[in-house]
N, C-alpha and C. Protein backbone atom coordinates (compact mmCIF):
# COMPACT_ATOMS: atom_id res chain seq x y z
N MET A 1 -1.79 -24.89 34.48
CA MET A 1 -0.46 -24.96 33.95
C MET A 1 0.12 -26.41 34.37
N SER A 2 0.85 -26.96 33.51
CA SER A 2 1.61 -28.48 34.18
C SER A 2 2.53 -28.10 35.14
N ASN A 3 3.07 -28.96 35.96
CA ASN A 3 4.21 -28.78 37.10
C ASN A 3 5.48 -28.25 36.33
N HIS A 4 5.57 -28.71 35.02
CA HIS A 4 6.75 -28.07 34.37
C HIS A 4 6.77 -26.55 34.03
N GLU A 5 5.44 -26.21 33.74
CA GLU A 5 5.49 -24.63 33.51
C GLU A 5 5.66 -24.08 34.76
N LYS A 6 5.53 -24.45 35.91
CA LYS A 6 5.83 -23.83 37.15
C LYS A 6 7.09 -24.09 37.77
N ARG A 7 7.91 -24.72 37.02
CA ARG A 7 9.28 -24.97 37.45
C ARG A 7 10.20 -23.76 36.82
N ALA A 8 11.17 -23.31 37.76
CA ALA A 8 12.03 -22.21 37.44
C ALA A 8 13.19 -22.46 37.94
N VAL A 9 14.43 -22.17 37.23
CA VAL A 9 15.66 -22.09 37.68
C VAL A 9 16.17 -20.55 38.05
N VAL A 10 16.75 -20.51 39.19
CA VAL A 10 16.78 -19.17 39.87
C VAL A 10 18.40 -19.24 40.21
N LEU A 11 19.20 -18.20 39.45
CA LEU A 11 20.34 -17.99 39.86
C LEU A 11 20.72 -17.34 41.02
N VAL A 12 21.32 -18.03 42.00
CA VAL A 12 21.62 -17.48 43.53
C VAL A 12 23.21 -17.12 43.87
N SER A 13 23.49 -16.10 44.04
CA SER A 13 24.77 -15.78 44.21
C SER A 13 25.21 -15.93 45.59
N GLY A 14 24.20 -15.67 46.53
CA GLY A 14 24.39 -15.49 47.77
C GLY A 14 24.28 -14.12 48.39
N GLY A 15 23.99 -13.08 47.49
CA GLY A 15 23.74 -11.74 47.82
C GLY A 15 22.37 -11.33 48.09
N LEU A 16 22.42 -10.15 48.35
CA LEU A 16 20.95 -9.62 48.72
C LEU A 16 20.04 -9.60 47.47
N ASP A 17 20.61 -9.27 46.46
CA ASP A 17 19.55 -9.29 45.25
C ASP A 17 19.05 -10.62 44.74
N SER A 18 19.88 -11.66 44.70
CA SER A 18 19.50 -13.03 44.24
C SER A 18 18.61 -13.70 45.34
N ALA A 19 18.79 -13.14 46.64
CA ALA A 19 18.12 -13.95 47.76
C ALA A 19 16.43 -13.27 47.51
N THR A 20 16.35 -11.91 47.15
CA THR A 20 15.18 -11.33 46.84
C THR A 20 14.47 -11.82 45.87
N THR A 21 15.32 -12.19 44.74
CA THR A 21 14.77 -12.79 43.60
C THR A 21 14.18 -14.14 43.84
N LEU A 22 14.96 -14.91 44.63
CA LEU A 22 14.39 -16.31 44.83
C LEU A 22 13.07 -16.34 45.68
N ALA A 23 13.26 -15.40 46.52
CA ALA A 23 11.74 -15.24 47.34
C ALA A 23 10.76 -14.67 46.40
N ILE A 24 10.74 -13.92 45.60
CA ILE A 24 9.88 -13.51 44.53
C ILE A 24 9.41 -14.63 43.66
N ALA A 25 10.31 -15.45 43.18
CA ALA A 25 10.05 -16.49 42.62
C ALA A 25 9.16 -17.72 43.22
N ARG A 26 9.56 -17.75 44.32
CA ARG A 26 8.55 -18.56 45.34
C ARG A 26 7.33 -18.12 45.60
N ASP A 27 7.28 -16.83 45.71
CA ASP A 27 6.00 -16.36 46.20
C ASP A 27 4.87 -16.05 44.67
N GLN A 28 5.61 -16.31 43.76
CA GLN A 28 4.84 -16.40 42.43
C GLN A 28 4.36 -17.85 42.34
N GLY A 29 4.80 -18.66 43.13
CA GLY A 29 4.16 -20.04 43.00
C GLY A 29 5.14 -20.98 42.18
N PHE A 30 6.37 -20.61 41.88
CA PHE A 30 7.20 -21.44 41.08
C PHE A 30 8.07 -22.51 41.86
N GLU A 31 8.22 -23.55 41.41
CA GLU A 31 9.02 -24.68 42.13
C GLU A 31 10.41 -24.42 41.69
N CYS A 32 11.31 -23.93 42.71
CA CYS A 32 12.72 -23.31 42.34
C CYS A 32 13.88 -24.18 42.50
N PHE A 33 14.46 -24.09 41.55
CA PHE A 33 15.61 -25.03 41.45
C PHE A 33 16.94 -23.68 41.47
N ALA A 34 17.54 -23.85 42.62
CA ALA A 34 18.61 -22.60 42.77
C ALA A 34 19.96 -23.09 42.08
N LEU A 35 20.58 -22.31 41.54
CA LEU A 35 21.89 -22.54 40.76
C LEU A 35 22.87 -21.42 41.05
N SER A 36 23.92 -21.99 41.71
CA SER A 36 24.99 -20.94 41.99
C SER A 36 26.21 -21.21 41.05
N VAL A 37 27.02 -20.27 40.83
CA VAL A 37 28.42 -20.54 39.99
C VAL A 37 29.62 -20.13 40.73
N ASP A 38 30.43 -21.16 40.89
CA ASP A 38 31.89 -20.86 41.51
C ASP A 38 32.67 -20.51 40.32
N TYR A 39 33.01 -19.39 40.04
CA TYR A 39 33.82 -18.88 39.01
C TYR A 39 35.18 -18.36 39.26
N GLY A 40 35.71 -18.57 40.61
CA GLY A 40 36.91 -18.23 40.82
C GLY A 40 36.84 -17.00 41.66
N GLN A 41 35.74 -16.51 42.22
CA GLN A 41 35.63 -15.20 42.72
C GLN A 41 36.35 -15.18 44.07
N ARG A 42 36.86 -14.09 44.32
CA ARG A 42 37.69 -13.65 45.36
C ARG A 42 36.85 -13.81 46.65
N HIS A 43 35.53 -13.43 46.67
CA HIS A 43 34.59 -13.26 47.71
C HIS A 43 33.89 -14.58 47.95
N ARG A 44 34.45 -15.72 48.22
CA ARG A 44 34.09 -16.97 48.28
C ARG A 44 33.14 -17.37 49.03
N ALA A 45 32.99 -16.33 50.14
CA ALA A 45 32.01 -16.58 51.33
C ALA A 45 30.55 -16.43 50.65
N GLU A 46 30.38 -15.86 49.62
CA GLU A 46 29.20 -15.65 48.86
C GLU A 46 28.58 -17.12 48.60
N LEU A 47 29.52 -17.95 48.33
CA LEU A 47 28.96 -19.29 47.87
C LEU A 47 28.29 -20.18 49.04
N GLU A 48 29.02 -20.10 50.26
CA GLU A 48 28.23 -20.55 51.51
C GLU A 48 26.97 -19.87 51.71
N ALA A 49 27.02 -18.55 51.66
CA ALA A 49 25.56 -17.80 51.81
C ALA A 49 24.57 -18.34 50.69
N ALA A 50 24.92 -18.61 49.57
CA ALA A 50 24.09 -19.04 48.59
C ALA A 50 23.38 -20.32 49.07
N ALA A 51 24.11 -21.15 49.72
CA ALA A 51 23.63 -22.40 50.13
C ALA A 51 22.83 -22.27 51.24
N ARG A 52 23.05 -21.38 52.05
CA ARG A 52 22.10 -20.76 53.26
C ARG A 52 20.74 -20.34 52.84
N VAL A 53 20.91 -19.51 51.81
CA VAL A 53 19.71 -18.74 51.31
C VAL A 53 18.95 -19.90 50.65
N ALA A 54 19.42 -20.67 49.76
CA ALA A 54 18.52 -21.77 49.05
C ALA A 54 17.84 -22.69 49.88
N GLU A 55 18.39 -22.98 51.07
CA GLU A 55 17.83 -23.72 52.05
C GLU A 55 16.71 -23.04 52.68
N ALA A 56 17.03 -21.81 53.18
CA ALA A 56 15.97 -20.83 54.03
C ALA A 56 14.85 -20.58 53.11
N LEU A 57 15.00 -20.53 51.97
CA LEU A 57 13.89 -20.00 51.19
C LEU A 57 13.31 -21.18 50.42
N GLY A 58 13.62 -22.42 50.79
CA GLY A 58 13.00 -23.46 50.26
C GLY A 58 12.99 -23.91 48.91
N ALA A 59 14.28 -23.66 48.27
CA ALA A 59 14.54 -24.33 46.89
C ALA A 59 14.35 -25.80 46.86
N VAL A 60 13.82 -26.29 45.91
CA VAL A 60 13.75 -27.58 45.60
C VAL A 60 14.98 -28.38 45.82
N ALA A 61 16.16 -27.81 44.86
CA ALA A 61 17.50 -28.38 44.99
C ALA A 61 18.20 -27.27 44.74
N HIS A 62 19.51 -27.35 45.03
CA HIS A 62 20.57 -26.15 44.78
C HIS A 62 21.84 -26.96 44.37
N ARG A 63 22.30 -26.37 43.32
CA ARG A 63 23.55 -27.02 42.76
C ARG A 63 24.42 -25.71 42.45
N THR A 64 25.75 -26.18 42.67
CA THR A 64 26.93 -25.04 42.25
C THR A 64 27.75 -25.78 41.28
N LEU A 65 27.87 -25.06 40.08
CA LEU A 65 28.59 -25.31 38.98
C LEU A 65 29.97 -24.60 39.14
N ARG A 66 31.03 -25.17 38.44
CA ARG A 66 32.34 -24.37 38.52
C ARG A 66 32.84 -24.09 37.05
N VAL A 67 33.46 -22.87 37.11
CA VAL A 67 34.09 -22.61 35.93
C VAL A 67 35.33 -21.55 36.34
N ASP A 68 36.57 -21.87 35.56
CA ASP A 68 37.53 -20.74 36.22
C ASP A 68 37.58 -19.35 35.18
N LEU A 69 36.77 -18.61 35.67
CA LEU A 69 36.92 -17.14 34.98
C LEU A 69 38.31 -16.58 35.38
N GLY A 70 38.74 -16.95 36.50
CA GLY A 70 40.17 -16.43 36.84
C GLY A 70 41.10 -16.79 35.84
N GLY A 71 41.01 -17.86 34.95
CA GLY A 71 42.04 -18.20 34.07
C GLY A 71 42.24 -17.14 32.99
N ILE A 72 41.14 -16.28 32.65
CA ILE A 72 41.09 -15.31 31.64
C ILE A 72 41.59 -13.92 32.20
N GLY A 73 41.18 -13.86 33.64
CA GLY A 73 41.58 -12.54 34.44
C GLY A 73 40.57 -11.49 34.04
N GLY A 74 41.24 -10.12 34.14
CA GLY A 74 40.53 -8.95 33.57
C GLY A 74 39.53 -8.60 34.64
N SER A 75 39.42 -8.97 35.87
CA SER A 75 38.40 -8.55 36.70
C SER A 75 39.03 -8.33 38.27
N ALA A 76 38.71 -7.36 39.04
CA ALA A 76 39.21 -7.41 40.41
C ALA A 76 38.70 -8.49 41.10
N LEU A 77 37.69 -8.99 40.76
CA LEU A 77 37.02 -10.22 41.43
C LEU A 77 37.50 -11.47 41.18
N THR A 78 38.47 -11.43 40.20
CA THR A 78 38.90 -12.95 39.76
C THR A 78 40.61 -13.02 39.88
N ASP A 79 41.01 -11.80 39.77
CA ASP A 79 42.45 -11.41 39.67
C ASP A 79 42.99 -10.69 40.97
N PRO A 80 43.60 -11.55 41.80
CA PRO A 80 44.02 -10.82 43.17
C PRO A 80 45.13 -9.87 43.00
N SER A 81 45.66 -9.62 41.70
CA SER A 81 46.60 -8.42 41.64
C SER A 81 46.07 -7.27 41.16
N ILE A 82 44.51 -7.28 40.97
CA ILE A 82 43.75 -6.07 40.81
C ILE A 82 43.13 -5.58 41.93
N ALA A 83 43.24 -4.56 42.40
CA ALA A 83 42.51 -4.17 43.94
C ALA A 83 40.97 -3.65 43.48
N VAL A 84 40.34 -4.24 44.56
CA VAL A 84 38.89 -3.79 44.56
C VAL A 84 38.81 -2.20 45.09
N PRO A 85 38.20 -1.61 43.98
CA PRO A 85 38.17 -0.18 44.48
C PRO A 85 37.37 0.10 45.56
N GLU A 86 37.81 1.06 46.33
CA GLU A 86 37.03 1.65 47.58
C GLU A 86 36.54 2.94 47.47
N THR A 87 36.59 3.48 46.28
CA THR A 87 35.68 4.76 45.99
C THR A 87 34.99 4.71 44.75
N PRO A 88 34.03 5.47 44.73
CA PRO A 88 33.25 5.57 43.38
C PRO A 88 33.63 5.57 42.24
N GLN A 89 33.35 4.62 41.25
CA GLN A 89 34.01 4.58 40.09
C GLN A 89 33.32 5.31 38.81
N VAL A 90 33.82 5.83 37.76
CA VAL A 90 33.34 6.31 36.78
C VAL A 90 33.42 5.35 35.68
N GLY A 91 32.16 5.04 34.92
CA GLY A 91 32.10 4.01 33.80
C GLY A 91 31.89 2.76 34.41
N ILE A 92 32.41 1.58 33.65
CA ILE A 92 32.41 0.23 33.80
C ILE A 92 33.42 0.07 34.79
N PRO A 93 33.35 -0.37 35.95
CA PRO A 93 34.38 -0.53 37.12
C PRO A 93 35.04 -1.85 36.78
N VAL A 94 36.22 -1.95 37.50
CA VAL A 94 37.35 -3.07 37.35
C VAL A 94 36.37 -4.44 38.02
N THR A 95 35.59 -4.17 38.84
CA THR A 95 34.72 -5.45 39.33
C THR A 95 33.76 -6.17 38.20
N TYR A 96 33.80 -5.45 37.07
CA TYR A 96 33.00 -6.19 36.26
C TYR A 96 33.76 -7.42 35.57
N VAL A 97 33.17 -8.62 35.75
CA VAL A 97 33.82 -9.88 35.26
C VAL A 97 33.38 -10.28 33.93
N PRO A 98 34.47 -10.40 32.84
CA PRO A 98 34.08 -10.53 31.55
C PRO A 98 33.27 -11.91 31.36
N ALA A 99 32.21 -11.81 30.75
CA ALA A 99 31.23 -12.88 30.42
C ALA A 99 30.48 -13.26 31.55
N ARG A 100 30.65 -13.00 32.67
CA ARG A 100 30.17 -13.81 33.96
C ARG A 100 28.51 -14.00 33.74
N ASN A 101 27.83 -12.96 33.41
CA ASN A 101 26.23 -13.35 33.53
C ASN A 101 25.90 -14.04 32.28
N THR A 102 26.80 -14.00 31.01
CA THR A 102 26.33 -14.70 30.06
C THR A 102 26.74 -16.26 30.30
N VAL A 103 27.87 -16.58 30.97
CA VAL A 103 28.17 -17.84 31.33
C VAL A 103 27.15 -18.36 32.47
N MET A 104 26.71 -17.65 33.42
CA MET A 104 25.86 -17.96 34.51
C MET A 104 24.39 -18.35 33.69
N LEU A 105 24.13 -17.65 32.90
CA LEU A 105 22.64 -17.82 32.04
C LEU A 105 22.84 -19.13 31.25
N SER A 106 23.98 -19.16 30.59
CA SER A 106 24.08 -20.46 30.03
C SER A 106 24.05 -21.63 30.71
N PHE A 107 24.62 -21.70 31.95
CA PHE A 107 24.44 -22.86 32.70
C PHE A 107 22.96 -22.98 33.08
N ALA A 108 22.39 -21.91 33.72
CA ALA A 108 21.13 -21.91 34.01
C ALA A 108 20.23 -22.36 32.90
N LEU A 109 20.45 -21.97 31.72
CA LEU A 109 19.76 -22.45 30.41
C LEU A 109 19.79 -23.94 30.25
N GLY A 110 20.84 -24.63 30.42
CA GLY A 110 21.26 -25.82 30.37
C GLY A 110 20.50 -26.84 31.32
N TRP A 111 20.50 -26.22 32.65
CA TRP A 111 19.65 -27.06 33.46
C TRP A 111 18.11 -27.02 33.42
N ALA A 112 17.83 -25.55 32.98
CA ALA A 112 16.40 -25.42 32.67
C ALA A 112 15.90 -26.27 31.57
N GLU A 113 16.64 -26.58 30.54
CA GLU A 113 16.39 -27.44 29.39
C GLU A 113 16.14 -29.03 29.82
N VAL A 114 17.05 -29.17 30.88
CA VAL A 114 16.90 -30.60 31.31
C VAL A 114 15.54 -30.86 32.32
N LEU A 115 15.47 -29.80 32.77
CA LEU A 115 14.08 -29.74 33.82
C LEU A 115 12.75 -29.52 33.01
N LEU A 116 12.96 -29.04 31.98
CA LEU A 116 11.84 -28.33 30.99
C LEU A 116 11.17 -27.26 31.87
N ALA A 117 12.17 -26.59 32.32
CA ALA A 117 11.67 -25.33 33.29
C ALA A 117 11.62 -24.09 32.46
N PRO A 118 10.60 -23.43 32.06
CA PRO A 118 10.57 -22.34 31.02
C PRO A 118 10.98 -21.05 31.58
N THR A 119 11.15 -20.81 32.78
CA THR A 119 11.57 -19.59 33.39
C THR A 119 12.99 -19.65 34.17
N ILE A 120 13.56 -18.76 33.81
CA ILE A 120 14.99 -18.55 34.48
C ILE A 120 15.04 -17.01 35.21
N PHE A 121 15.29 -17.15 36.40
CA PHE A 121 15.18 -15.86 37.18
C PHE A 121 16.67 -15.54 37.64
N ILE A 122 16.82 -14.20 37.26
CA ILE A 122 18.23 -13.60 37.49
C ILE A 122 17.93 -12.22 38.11
N GLY A 123 18.73 -11.69 39.27
CA GLY A 123 18.42 -10.59 40.01
C GLY A 123 19.21 -9.35 39.57
N VAL A 124 19.38 -9.20 38.17
CA VAL A 124 19.99 -8.09 37.48
C VAL A 124 19.19 -6.81 37.72
N ASN A 125 19.78 -5.74 38.01
CA ASN A 125 19.08 -4.48 38.19
C ASN A 125 19.67 -3.40 37.46
N ALA A 126 18.93 -2.64 36.83
CA ALA A 126 19.40 -1.25 36.01
C ALA A 126 19.26 0.12 36.80
N VAL A 127 19.08 -0.06 38.09
CA VAL A 127 18.92 1.17 38.94
C VAL A 127 20.09 1.35 39.65
N ASP A 128 20.23 0.47 40.66
CA ASP A 128 21.45 0.65 41.54
C ASP A 128 22.72 -0.24 40.96
N TYR A 129 22.65 -0.94 39.79
CA TYR A 129 23.76 -1.64 39.44
C TYR A 129 25.01 -0.81 39.28
N SER A 130 26.13 -1.45 39.31
CA SER A 130 27.45 -0.62 39.05
C SER A 130 27.76 -0.55 37.69
N GLY A 131 27.08 -0.30 36.63
CA GLY A 131 27.42 -0.14 35.27
C GLY A 131 27.60 -1.19 34.58
N TYR A 132 27.32 -2.42 34.93
CA TYR A 132 27.86 -3.60 34.27
C TYR A 132 26.95 -3.90 33.11
N PRO A 133 27.35 -3.83 31.82
CA PRO A 133 26.57 -3.94 30.58
C PRO A 133 25.76 -5.24 30.67
N ASP A 134 26.27 -6.54 31.29
CA ASP A 134 25.47 -7.56 31.37
C ASP A 134 24.33 -7.63 32.29
N CYS A 135 24.01 -6.53 32.87
CA CYS A 135 22.84 -6.30 33.78
C CYS A 135 21.61 -5.37 33.21
N ARG A 136 21.87 -5.19 31.79
CA ARG A 136 20.96 -4.26 31.32
C ARG A 136 19.81 -4.81 30.46
N PRO A 137 18.82 -4.37 30.46
CA PRO A 137 17.64 -5.00 29.76
C PRO A 137 17.80 -5.48 28.09
N ALA A 138 18.78 -4.86 27.53
CA ALA A 138 19.21 -5.23 26.00
C ALA A 138 19.73 -6.59 26.35
N PHE A 139 20.61 -6.67 27.13
CA PHE A 139 21.35 -7.96 27.19
C PHE A 139 20.36 -9.21 27.63
N VAL A 140 19.62 -8.92 28.41
CA VAL A 140 18.66 -9.81 28.91
C VAL A 140 17.74 -10.39 27.70
N THR A 141 17.27 -9.35 27.12
CA THR A 141 16.36 -9.67 25.89
C THR A 141 17.04 -10.48 24.99
N ALA A 142 18.40 -10.00 24.59
CA ALA A 142 19.22 -10.69 23.42
C ALA A 142 19.32 -12.19 24.07
N PHE A 143 19.65 -12.58 25.23
CA PHE A 143 19.88 -13.73 25.78
C PHE A 143 18.68 -14.59 25.68
N GLU A 144 17.61 -13.92 26.19
CA GLU A 144 16.42 -14.79 25.86
C GLU A 144 16.24 -15.31 24.53
N ARG A 145 16.38 -14.45 23.56
CA ARG A 145 16.34 -14.74 22.26
C ARG A 145 17.16 -15.95 21.66
N VAL A 146 18.52 -15.98 22.18
CA VAL A 146 19.50 -16.80 22.00
C VAL A 146 18.90 -18.09 22.56
N ALA A 147 18.35 -18.05 23.82
CA ALA A 147 17.93 -19.31 24.42
C ALA A 147 17.03 -20.07 23.57
N ASN A 148 16.11 -19.29 22.82
CA ASN A 148 14.96 -19.89 22.17
C ASN A 148 15.42 -20.43 20.73
N LEU A 149 16.46 -19.81 20.29
CA LEU A 149 17.34 -20.26 18.98
C LEU A 149 18.25 -21.54 19.28
N ALA A 150 18.67 -21.76 20.48
CA ALA A 150 19.87 -22.56 20.65
C ALA A 150 19.83 -23.93 21.31
N THR A 151 18.46 -23.98 21.70
CA THR A 151 18.15 -25.20 22.36
C THR A 151 17.32 -26.21 21.71
N LYS A 152 17.54 -27.46 21.98
CA LYS A 152 16.72 -28.40 21.30
C LYS A 152 15.17 -28.54 21.69
N ALA A 153 14.82 -28.28 23.01
CA ALA A 153 13.53 -28.13 23.55
C ALA A 153 12.81 -27.05 22.81
N ALA A 154 13.41 -25.87 22.67
CA ALA A 154 12.68 -24.82 22.16
C ALA A 154 12.60 -24.95 20.45
N VAL A 155 13.63 -25.32 20.06
CA VAL A 155 13.63 -25.59 18.46
C VAL A 155 12.44 -26.35 18.21
N GLU A 156 12.28 -27.84 18.94
CA GLU A 156 11.24 -28.70 18.89
C GLU A 156 9.83 -28.30 19.17
N GLY A 157 9.67 -26.95 19.90
CA GLY A 157 8.48 -26.41 20.21
C GLY A 157 7.76 -26.91 21.59
N ARG A 158 9.06 -27.67 22.35
CA ARG A 158 8.26 -28.30 23.47
C ARG A 158 8.44 -27.08 24.54
N ILE A 159 9.06 -26.06 24.49
CA ILE A 159 9.10 -25.16 25.45
C ILE A 159 9.61 -23.75 24.87
N THR A 160 9.22 -22.68 25.48
CA THR A 160 9.53 -21.40 25.18
C THR A 160 10.26 -20.59 26.43
N PHE A 161 11.42 -20.44 26.36
CA PHE A 161 12.06 -19.73 27.55
C PHE A 161 12.02 -18.40 27.85
N ARG A 162 11.87 -17.99 28.99
CA ARG A 162 11.61 -16.75 29.52
C ARG A 162 12.84 -16.51 30.52
N ILE A 163 13.31 -15.23 30.38
CA ILE A 163 14.32 -14.86 31.55
C ILE A 163 13.60 -13.82 32.27
N ALA A 164 13.34 -14.02 33.50
CA ALA A 164 12.49 -13.13 34.51
C ALA A 164 13.65 -12.27 35.15
N THR A 165 13.32 -10.88 35.30
CA THR A 165 14.23 -10.10 36.11
C THR A 165 13.41 -9.13 36.89
N PRO A 166 12.91 -9.61 37.94
CA PRO A 166 12.01 -9.17 38.71
C PRO A 166 12.42 -7.76 39.45
N LEU A 167 13.69 -7.65 39.42
CA LEU A 167 14.47 -6.33 40.10
C LEU A 167 14.81 -5.45 39.43
N MET A 168 14.52 -5.55 37.96
CA MET A 168 15.26 -4.83 36.99
C MET A 168 14.97 -3.16 37.24
N ASP A 169 13.67 -2.78 37.44
CA ASP A 169 13.53 -1.39 37.89
C ASP A 169 13.36 -0.91 39.05
N LEU A 170 13.75 -1.49 40.06
CA LEU A 170 13.70 -1.37 41.53
C LEU A 170 14.88 -0.83 42.03
N THR A 171 14.75 0.18 42.99
CA THR A 171 16.13 0.78 43.75
C THR A 171 16.43 -0.30 44.75
N LYS A 172 17.63 -0.10 45.22
CA LYS A 172 18.14 -1.12 46.37
C LYS A 172 17.26 -1.16 47.43
N ALA A 173 16.61 0.12 47.91
CA ALA A 173 15.67 0.36 48.98
C ALA A 173 14.53 -0.42 48.67
N GLN A 174 14.01 -0.47 47.38
CA GLN A 174 12.80 -1.20 47.13
C GLN A 174 12.97 -2.64 47.01
N ILE A 175 14.09 -3.12 46.75
CA ILE A 175 14.44 -4.52 46.79
C ILE A 175 14.55 -5.17 48.22
N ILE A 176 14.96 -4.27 48.95
CA ILE A 176 15.02 -4.75 50.45
C ILE A 176 13.68 -4.69 51.01
N GLN A 177 12.83 -3.75 50.85
CA GLN A 177 11.46 -3.68 51.42
C GLN A 177 10.83 -4.91 50.74
N ARG A 178 10.87 -5.39 49.58
CA ARG A 178 10.16 -6.39 49.00
C ARG A 178 10.51 -7.53 49.42
N GLY A 179 11.85 -7.80 49.73
CA GLY A 179 12.41 -8.91 50.20
C GLY A 179 11.97 -9.12 51.69
N THR A 180 12.00 -8.13 52.50
CA THR A 180 11.69 -8.10 53.80
C THR A 180 10.22 -8.50 53.85
N ALA A 181 9.37 -8.08 53.40
CA ALA A 181 7.88 -8.31 53.33
C ALA A 181 7.82 -10.00 52.86
N LEU A 182 8.59 -10.45 52.19
CA LEU A 182 8.54 -11.84 51.74
C LEU A 182 9.38 -12.79 52.65
N GLY A 183 9.92 -11.99 53.79
CA GLY A 183 10.42 -12.87 54.82
C GLY A 183 11.86 -13.32 54.67
N VAL A 184 12.70 -12.55 53.76
CA VAL A 184 13.91 -12.77 53.40
C VAL A 184 14.91 -12.57 54.76
N ASP A 185 15.85 -13.30 55.26
CA ASP A 185 16.68 -12.95 56.17
C ASP A 185 17.96 -12.55 55.66
N TYR A 186 18.11 -11.33 55.49
CA TYR A 186 19.27 -10.64 54.98
C TYR A 186 20.70 -10.97 55.68
N SER A 187 20.62 -11.22 56.94
CA SER A 187 21.86 -11.78 57.67
C SER A 187 22.33 -12.98 57.19
N LEU A 188 21.70 -13.72 56.29
CA LEU A 188 22.36 -14.93 55.75
C LEU A 188 22.99 -14.52 54.50
N THR A 189 22.91 -13.28 53.80
CA THR A 189 23.60 -12.94 52.52
C THR A 189 24.99 -12.30 52.87
N VAL A 190 25.69 -12.40 51.61
CA VAL A 190 26.85 -11.75 51.51
C VAL A 190 26.96 -11.08 50.25
N SER A 191 27.16 -9.72 50.30
CA SER A 191 27.25 -8.83 49.02
C SER A 191 28.79 -8.33 48.87
N CYS A 192 29.49 -8.18 49.86
CA CYS A 192 30.77 -7.64 49.74
C CYS A 192 31.53 -8.28 48.70
N TYR A 193 32.41 -7.41 47.97
CA TYR A 193 33.41 -8.02 46.89
C TYR A 193 34.81 -8.46 47.49
N GLN A 194 34.95 -8.33 48.74
CA GLN A 194 36.15 -8.61 49.38
C GLN A 194 35.90 -9.11 50.70
N ALA A 195 34.70 -10.00 50.87
CA ALA A 195 34.26 -10.37 52.52
C ALA A 195 35.40 -11.27 52.75
N ASP A 196 35.65 -11.50 53.89
CA ASP A 196 36.53 -12.43 54.53
C ASP A 196 35.81 -13.86 54.64
N GLU A 197 36.61 -14.60 55.30
CA GLU A 197 36.27 -16.23 55.06
C GLU A 197 35.07 -16.36 55.97
N GLU A 198 34.75 -15.54 56.85
CA GLU A 198 33.52 -15.49 57.74
C GLU A 198 32.43 -14.94 57.07
N GLY A 199 32.59 -14.35 55.96
CA GLY A 199 31.47 -13.45 55.26
C GLY A 199 31.23 -12.12 55.74
N ARG A 200 32.31 -11.69 56.53
CA ARG A 200 32.19 -10.37 57.13
C ARG A 200 32.61 -9.24 55.84
N ALA A 201 31.83 -8.02 55.89
CA ALA A 201 32.21 -7.17 54.84
C ALA A 201 33.08 -6.04 55.04
N CYS A 202 33.68 -5.55 53.94
CA CYS A 202 34.70 -4.55 53.98
C CYS A 202 34.26 -2.98 54.41
N ARG A 203 33.00 -2.75 54.05
CA ARG A 203 32.21 -1.55 54.31
C ARG A 203 32.49 -0.42 53.30
N ARG A 204 33.62 -0.69 52.48
CA ARG A 204 34.14 0.22 51.56
C ARG A 204 33.84 0.15 50.12
N CYS A 205 33.67 -1.20 49.56
CA CYS A 205 33.68 -1.43 48.18
C CYS A 205 32.27 -0.95 47.56
N ASP A 206 32.02 -0.94 46.36
CA ASP A 206 30.87 -0.47 45.70
C ASP A 206 29.49 -1.32 46.27
N ALA A 207 29.67 -2.56 46.35
CA ALA A 207 28.62 -3.37 46.71
C ALA A 207 28.16 -3.07 48.30
N CYS A 208 29.22 -2.99 49.05
CA CYS A 208 28.91 -2.62 50.43
C CYS A 208 28.23 -1.20 50.45
N ARG A 209 28.57 -0.26 49.69
CA ARG A 209 27.98 0.94 49.82
C ARG A 209 26.57 1.05 49.33
N LEU A 210 26.28 0.19 48.18
CA LEU A 210 24.99 0.13 47.64
C LEU A 210 24.07 -0.50 48.80
N ARG A 211 24.44 -1.62 49.28
CA ARG A 211 23.78 -2.24 50.22
C ARG A 211 23.52 -1.39 51.55
N SER A 212 24.61 -0.62 52.17
CA SER A 212 24.31 0.10 53.23
C SER A 212 23.35 1.18 53.02
N GLU A 213 23.51 1.98 51.84
CA GLU A 213 22.60 3.10 51.50
C GLU A 213 21.07 2.27 51.29
N GLY A 214 21.09 1.35 50.74
CA GLY A 214 19.69 0.77 50.68
C GLY A 214 18.96 0.32 51.73
N PHE A 215 19.66 -0.34 52.76
CA PHE A 215 18.97 -0.34 54.11
C PHE A 215 18.47 1.00 54.83
N ARG A 216 19.54 2.00 54.57
CA ARG A 216 19.12 3.18 55.22
C ARG A 216 17.95 3.85 54.42
N ALA A 217 17.98 3.82 53.30
CA ALA A 217 16.99 4.44 52.44
C ALA A 217 15.39 3.77 52.75
N ALA A 218 15.56 2.44 52.99
CA ALA A 218 14.28 1.66 53.21
C ALA A 218 14.02 1.87 54.63
N GLY A 219 14.76 2.39 55.62
CA GLY A 219 14.27 2.69 56.84
C GLY A 219 14.49 1.41 57.76
N LEU A 220 15.24 0.44 57.36
CA LEU A 220 15.21 -1.00 57.89
C LEU A 220 16.90 -1.09 58.66
N PRO A 221 16.98 -1.92 59.71
CA PRO A 221 18.25 -2.04 60.06
C PRO A 221 19.02 -2.88 59.34
N ASP A 222 20.40 -2.61 59.15
CA ASP A 222 21.19 -3.44 58.28
C ASP A 222 21.96 -4.40 59.07
N PRO A 223 21.69 -5.78 58.66
CA PRO A 223 22.26 -6.83 59.49
C PRO A 223 23.67 -7.24 59.20
N THR A 224 24.30 -6.44 58.17
CA THR A 224 25.60 -6.84 57.78
C THR A 224 26.70 -6.78 58.86
N ARG A 225 27.55 -7.97 58.88
CA ARG A 225 28.70 -7.96 59.72
C ARG A 225 29.87 -7.53 58.92
N TYR A 226 30.69 -6.65 59.68
CA TYR A 226 31.72 -5.96 59.14
C TYR A 226 32.96 -6.56 59.76
N PHE A 227 34.30 -6.55 58.94
CA PHE A 227 35.45 -6.85 59.85
C PHE A 227 36.28 -5.69 59.79
N ARG A 228 35.84 -4.37 59.32
CA ARG A 228 36.46 -3.10 59.89
C ARG A 228 35.43 -2.01 59.86
């Protein structure tokens, strides 16, 4: 393979799943370019966590792009007037952010085209995810098709893009076990939807519950810091 063929853009949010995804990409021999997106999220401590994770896991470069999804609202993660649920929700919860993964993958695709990096890694998961439609296999397959229809490099035959989702069929416990085996330091990560400025978690939101249950099921100590 050429050096370009072993390049990958890895979406890194600063949470547990994306840290594991970056570790997997590195383990597979990819030269990893980490990309984070500041979309106006209320849990901004995750952006600082993303920088820590990218450095700790040896990303070649780490960039943060900005888009104001708070300008359209519609989510508890971007609109401070909508409370983050602290009890389990039925259906797609209010923490779903309209178009978030579509926007993030679009940014990743743009950078991947410039780098001629054929692989884009994203840590979406269809087992423990919170019901988000843009975490489902059908969405990923559709975006991959769009990527190869909408880019100059693909249309000219210089590259074929692939969206890699190594966590798609894993439970949260399996994700944690895999990352631990690959040397991920989960104390660097922030998963909480309403983490404070120091990155301490609330213990009550959906992301906190899934994370806590995952460590318990994996039989591993949870390094999460809580503010209550």
